[in-house]
Amino acid sequence: MKKIIFCSSVVFILFSCKKDIEDCNCGTIANDGISTNSDGTSCYWLEIRNSCTDNKKTFCFDQDVWMDANPGESFCVTNESGW
């Protein structure tokens, strides 16, 4: 009987503990704007505060992405592992 109770307790503890996994290529849009690159093309930029490190980084996107993204919203940057 003790073995059953012990095993049940272990199983309960293992499955009741869940680890919060944050996506470290996501964050909150802190600022946005448009600038001109040295080659004359436009950079539609978003400054994003990383949800894991609290660091800010600026990224250029195409106009369609930029138009749909607003400061204060959550945003994930694909092909970026964190900053």
Protein backbone atom coordinates (compact mmCIF):
# COMPACT_ATOMS: atom_id res chain seq x y z
CA MET A 1 0.00 0.00 0.00
CA LYS A 2 2.85 2.39 0.81
CA LYS A 3 4.36 1.74 -2.63
CA ILE A 4 1.07 2.62 -4.33
CA ILE A 5 0.74 5.84 -2.36
CA PHE A 6 4.38 6.75 -3.02
CA CYS A 7 4.13 6.02 -6.73
CA SER A 8 0.87 7.95 -6.99
CA SER A 9 2.47 10.91 -5.24
CA VAL A 10 5.46 10.88 -7.58
CA VAL A 11 3.23 10.73 -10.67
CA PHE A 12 1.05 13.54 -9.30
CA ILE A 13 4.07 15.75 -8.62
CA LEU A 14 5.59 15.14 -12.05
CA PHE A 15 2.42 15.97 -13.93
CA SER A 16 1.28 18.86 -11.74
CA CYS A 17 4.49 20.83 -12.26
CA LYS A 18 4.47 22.58 -15.57
CA LYS A 19 7.26 24.71 -16.83
CA ASP A 20 6.45 28.06 -18.41
CA ILE A 21 8.30 28.26 -21.69
CA GLU A 22 8.56 31.75 -23.09
CA ASP A 23 9.13 32.43 -26.72
CA CYS A 24 12.29 34.55 -26.65
CA ASN A 25 11.84 35.87 -30.17
CA CYS A 26 8.65 37.69 -29.12
CA GLY A 27 7.94 40.90 -27.32
CA THR A 28 5.93 44.09 -27.24
CA ILE A 29 6.12 46.76 -29.93
CA ALA A 30 7.59 49.83 -28.23
CA ASN A 31 7.80 52.18 -31.19
CA ASP A 32 7.49 52.31 -34.99
CA GLY A 33 8.49 54.53 -37.89
CA ILE A 34 9.76 54.87 -41.43
CA SER A 35 13.29 55.71 -42.46
CA THR A 36 15.22 55.74 -45.73
CA ASN A 37 18.15 53.39 -46.21
CA SER A 38 21.40 54.50 -47.88
CA ASP A 39 20.29 52.79 -51.10
CA GLY A 40 17.09 54.88 -51.22
CA THR A 41 14.70 52.13 -50.12
CA SER A 42 12.31 52.60 -47.21
CA CYS A 43 12.65 50.78 -43.92
CA TYR A 44 9.34 50.32 -42.11
CA TRP A 45 10.74 49.68 -38.67
CA LEU A 46 9.38 48.32 -35.42
CA GLU A 47 11.21 48.65 -32.13
CA ILE A 48 10.35 45.57 -30.08
CA ARG A 49 11.00 44.98 -26.36
CA ASN A 50 11.95 41.32 -25.86
CA SER A 51 9.69 39.47 -23.43
CA CYS A 52 12.60 37.39 -22.04
CA THR A 53 15.44 39.92 -21.76
CA ASP A 54 13.55 43.24 -21.73
CA ASN A 55 16.04 44.51 -24.37
CA LYS A 56 14.82 46.61 -27.29
CA LYS A 57 15.82 46.02 -30.91
CA THR A 58 14.72 47.65 -34.15
CA PHE A 59 13.74 45.52 -37.16
CA CYS A 60 12.77 46.47 -40.73
CA PHE A 61 9.64 44.93 -42.26
CA ASP A 62 7.66 45.35 -45.42
CA GLN A 63 4.86 47.90 -45.48
CA ASP A 64 2.08 45.30 -45.08
CA VAL A 65 3.52 43.91 -41.84
CA TRP A 66 4.25 47.40 -40.54
CA MET A 67 0.69 48.64 -41.23
CA ASP A 68 -0.82 45.78 -39.19
CA ALA A 69 1.54 46.16 -36.20
CA ASN A 70 0.79 48.77 -33.54
CA PRO A 71 2.76 49.93 -30.48
CA GLY A 72 1.69 48.06 -27.37
CA GLU A 73 0.83 44.87 -29.25
CA SER A 74 2.66 41.57 -28.95
CA PHE A 75 4.86 40.69 -31.89
CA CYS A 76 7.11 37.74 -32.75
CA VAL A 77 10.06 37.99 -35.11
CA THR A 78 10.70 34.84 -37.10
CA ASN A 79 14.29 33.88 -37.93
CA GLU A 80 15.50 35.72 -34.79
CA SER A 81 16.52 33.68 -31.76
CA GLY A 82 16.32 36.51 -29.25
CA TRP A 83 18.11 39.72 -28.45
